[in-house]
Structures are given as C-alpha cells and as structure tokens.
Amino acid sequence: MVTFIIRFLNIVMAGLMAGAFFAVWAGYNPRFFTPQTYIEQQQAAIKGLNTLMPLLGLITIILTVASAFLQKQNQTFFVSMLVAAGFLIVAGLITRFGNQPINSIVMTWGKNDIPDNWNVLRDKWWSLHILRSLASFIAFLLIVWSNLRKD
C-alpha cells in the first residue's frame, strides 16, 4: 500500500510541476509584452511561484527516487525512474542557477527604472524556462510510462 501511495503521489506531483511549466510556456511568452507589463507579470509570478515551485520540485524528486528504490527489483522501472529523477534534477539546477538569479534581478526593477538591457535578461530567462520545461515534461512522461507499463 505504501508503494502504491508513493507512486500515485509521484504521478500527481510530477504532473503538477510539468503542468505549471507548460502553462507558463503556453500562455505567458513575454516576447510581446511591453517592459512595464513584463515587469508587473514577472514580479507577480516570482512572488507566487518562487518558493512553491522549488518545493514542488524537491518533493517530486524525493518521491521519484523513493518510488525507484521501493521497486528496485524491477530493473526497467528502477532505471527509468532514476532517469526521470535525473531530468527533474536538471530542471531544478536550471531553475536554481539560471532562472532564479535573473528573478532576483527583475525583483529590483521598478516600472519607471527599467534597464536598457531588460530584454536580454527576459530572453535568457525564457530560454532557460523552455529547457527546464522540457526536462520536467520528459521526467513526467517517464514517470507515467514507468507506472503504467505492464511487466
């Protein structure tokens, strides 16, 4: 029963994480925002997600690794879950060392004191977001596939 609960929670948490990244990717491309709109939207998103998403990612990594080790006798499941955990870790590292430093800079901007290179940071953040979204989505696919396949 414990294994079932961990597997279930793992799918749910990975789905929430991949879904959140996908929603930002699909609905909030900042390329067409004015500088003021970008700052307002990005600062609001940072305030709302800067703590939640890393925590969600950490919990998902822990559940993925726990699920793998609870079923290490099934080599295919074990390896695919560890690969999924690797993709989740990659997404976390991109967030921590790529997106979050840019977030810290954006949080210092005011609507009337936008630096001239704001769009360079915007574009770098967006590229990193796409990479972490892809890593998260691949991890989600591996988690779902591993849990649905019949042995």
Protein backbone atom coordinates (compact mmCIF):
# COMPACT_ATOMS: atom_id res chain seq x y z
CA MET A 1 0.00 0.00 0.00
CA VAL A 2 2.87 2.40 0.79
CA THR A 3 4.37 1.78 -2.66
CA PHE A 4 1.02 2.48 -4.32
CA ILE A 5 0.60 5.75 -2.41
CA ILE A 6 4.12 6.93 -3.26
CA ARG A 7 3.64 6.04 -6.94
CA PHE A 8 0.28 7.84 -7.01
CA LEU A 9 1.65 10.96 -5.32
CA ASN A 10 4.67 10.87 -7.62
CA ILE A 11 2.46 10.99 -10.72
CA VAL A 12 0.32 13.78 -9.26
CA MET A 13 3.27 15.93 -8.18
CA ALA A 14 5.19 15.43 -11.43
CA GLY A 15 2.03 16.31 -13.34
CA LEU A 16 1.53 19.48 -11.33
CA MET A 17 5.11 20.54 -11.91
CA ALA A 18 5.15 19.80 -15.64
CA GLY A 19 1.70 21.38 -15.98
CA ALA A 20 2.78 24.59 -14.26
CA PHE A 21 5.82 24.90 -16.51
CA PHE A 22 3.70 24.13 -19.57
CA ALA A 23 1.08 26.74 -18.61
CA VAL A 24 3.75 29.44 -18.37
CA TRP A 25 5.28 28.28 -21.65
CA ALA A 26 1.95 28.21 -23.49
CA GLY A 27 0.35 31.32 -22.05
CA TYR A 28 2.96 33.81 -20.95
CA ASN A 29 5.52 34.26 -23.70
CA PRO A 30 6.97 37.63 -22.66
CA ARG A 31 8.33 38.50 -26.10
CA PHE A 32 5.25 40.57 -26.89
CA PHE A 33 4.96 42.33 -23.52
CA THR A 34 5.85 45.96 -23.03
CA PRO A 35 8.64 46.45 -20.48
CA GLN A 36 6.11 47.60 -17.86
CA THR A 37 3.79 44.65 -18.48
CA TYR A 38 6.73 42.24 -18.35
CA ILE A 39 7.91 43.60 -15.02
CA GLU A 40 4.43 43.51 -13.46
CA GLN A 41 3.71 39.99 -14.71
CA GLN A 42 7.15 38.58 -13.90
CA GLN A 43 7.31 40.08 -10.41
CA ALA A 44 3.84 38.74 -9.60
CA ALA A 45 4.80 35.27 -10.87
CA ILE A 46 8.07 35.34 -8.92
CA LYS A 47 6.22 36.25 -5.71
CA GLY A 48 3.69 33.49 -6.25
CA LEU A 49 5.92 30.69 -7.51
CA ASN A 50 9.49 31.32 -6.35
CA THR A 51 9.02 29.24 -3.19
CA LEU A 52 6.25 26.89 -4.32
CA MET A 53 7.88 25.51 -7.47
CA PRO A 54 11.27 24.57 -5.95
CA LEU A 55 9.45 22.89 -3.06
CA LEU A 56 7.21 21.02 -5.50
CA GLY A 57 10.30 20.02 -7.47
CA LEU A 58 12.10 18.75 -4.37
CA ILE A 59 9.10 16.72 -3.25
CA THR A 60 8.75 15.26 -6.75
CA ILE A 61 12.43 14.28 -6.85
CA ILE A 62 12.16 12.60 -3.44
CA LEU A 63 9.01 10.71 -4.46
CA THR A 64 10.60 9.63 -7.74
CA VAL A 65 13.74 8.30 -6.07
CA ALA A 66 11.71 6.66 -3.29
CA SER A 67 9.46 5.00 -5.86
CA ALA A 68 12.50 3.74 -7.77
CA PHE A 69 14.10 2.20 -4.69
CA LEU A 70 10.86 0.67 -3.45
CA GLN A 71 10.76 -1.28 -6.69
CA LYS A 72 14.45 -1.75 -7.43
CA GLN A 73 13.84 -5.44 -8.18
CA ASN A 74 12.12 -4.31 -11.40
CA GLN A 75 15.19 -3.15 -13.32
CA THR A 76 13.28 -1.33 -16.08
CA PHE A 77 11.15 0.59 -13.59
CA PHE A 78 14.14 1.34 -11.36
CA VAL A 79 16.32 2.71 -14.16
CA SER A 80 13.57 4.72 -15.85
CA MET A 81 12.61 6.33 -12.54
CA LEU A 82 16.23 7.23 -11.80
CA VAL A 83 16.49 8.76 -15.28
CA ALA A 84 13.27 10.69 -14.56
CA ALA A 85 14.79 11.89 -11.28
CA GLY A 86 17.85 13.00 -13.27
CA PHE A 87 15.67 15.10 -15.57
CA LEU A 88 13.93 16.61 -12.54
CA ILE A 89 17.30 17.45 -11.02
CA VAL A 90 18.36 19.09 -14.30
CA ALA A 91 15.17 21.20 -14.23
CA GLY A 92 15.94 22.15 -10.64
CA LEU A 93 19.52 23.12 -11.44
CA ILE A 94 18.39 25.23 -14.40
CA THR A 95 15.92 26.96 -12.11
CA ARG A 96 18.38 27.49 -9.26
CA PHE A 97 21.38 28.64 -11.26
CA GLY A 98 19.67 30.13 -14.32
CA ASN A 99 16.16 31.43 -13.72
CA GLN A 100 16.37 32.40 -10.05
CA PRO A 101 19.39 34.72 -10.40
CA ILE A 102 17.50 36.53 -13.16
CA ASN A 103 14.39 36.59 -10.94
CA SER A 104 16.42 38.30 -8.22
CA ILE A 105 17.49 40.99 -10.64
CA VAL A 106 13.97 41.52 -12.00
CA MET A 107 12.63 41.94 -8.46
CA THR A 108 14.82 45.03 -8.05
CA TRP A 109 13.32 46.80 -11.06
CA GLY A 110 10.62 49.44 -10.82
CA LYS A 111 8.14 50.33 -13.53
CA ASN A 112 9.98 53.58 -14.21
CA ASP A 113 13.60 52.42 -13.84
CA ILE A 114 13.90 49.59 -16.34
CA PRO A 115 17.45 48.93 -17.53
CA ASP A 116 18.20 49.20 -21.23
CA ASN A 117 19.16 45.51 -21.42
CA TRP A 118 15.94 44.25 -19.82
CA ASN A 119 15.02 42.28 -22.92
CA VAL A 120 18.36 40.40 -22.91
CA LEU A 121 17.58 39.07 -19.42
CA ARG A 122 13.97 38.40 -20.44
CA ASP A 123 15.11 36.32 -23.41
CA LYS A 124 17.71 34.42 -21.37
CA TRP A 125 15.11 33.64 -18.69
CA TRP A 126 12.67 32.44 -21.37
CA SER A 127 15.27 30.16 -23.00
CA LEU A 128 16.09 28.65 -19.62
CA HIS A 129 12.38 28.23 -18.90
CA ILE A 130 11.91 26.26 -22.12
CA LEU A 131 14.83 23.98 -21.20
CA ARG A 132 13.53 23.28 -17.70
CA SER A 133 10.02 22.76 -19.07
CA LEU A 134 11.32 20.14 -21.49
CA ALA A 135 13.31 18.41 -18.75
CA SER A 136 10.27 18.39 -16.47
CA PHE A 137 7.99 17.10 -19.24
CA ILE A 138 10.40 14.28 -20.14
CA ALA A 139 10.55 13.34 -16.45
CA PHE A 140 6.75 13.35 -16.25
CA LEU A 141 6.49 11.12 -19.33
CA LEU A 142 8.98 8.66 -17.85
CA ILE A 143 7.15 8.60 -14.52
CA VAL A 144 3.78 7.97 -16.13
CA TRP A 145 5.18 5.41 -18.57
CA SER A 146 7.01 3.55 -15.80
CA ASN A 147 3.92 3.40 -13.64
CA LEU A 148 1.55 2.32 -16.42
CA ARG A 149 3.61 -0.32 -18.17
CA LYS A 150 2.82 -3.95 -17.55
CA ASP A 151 5.61 -6.30 -16.61
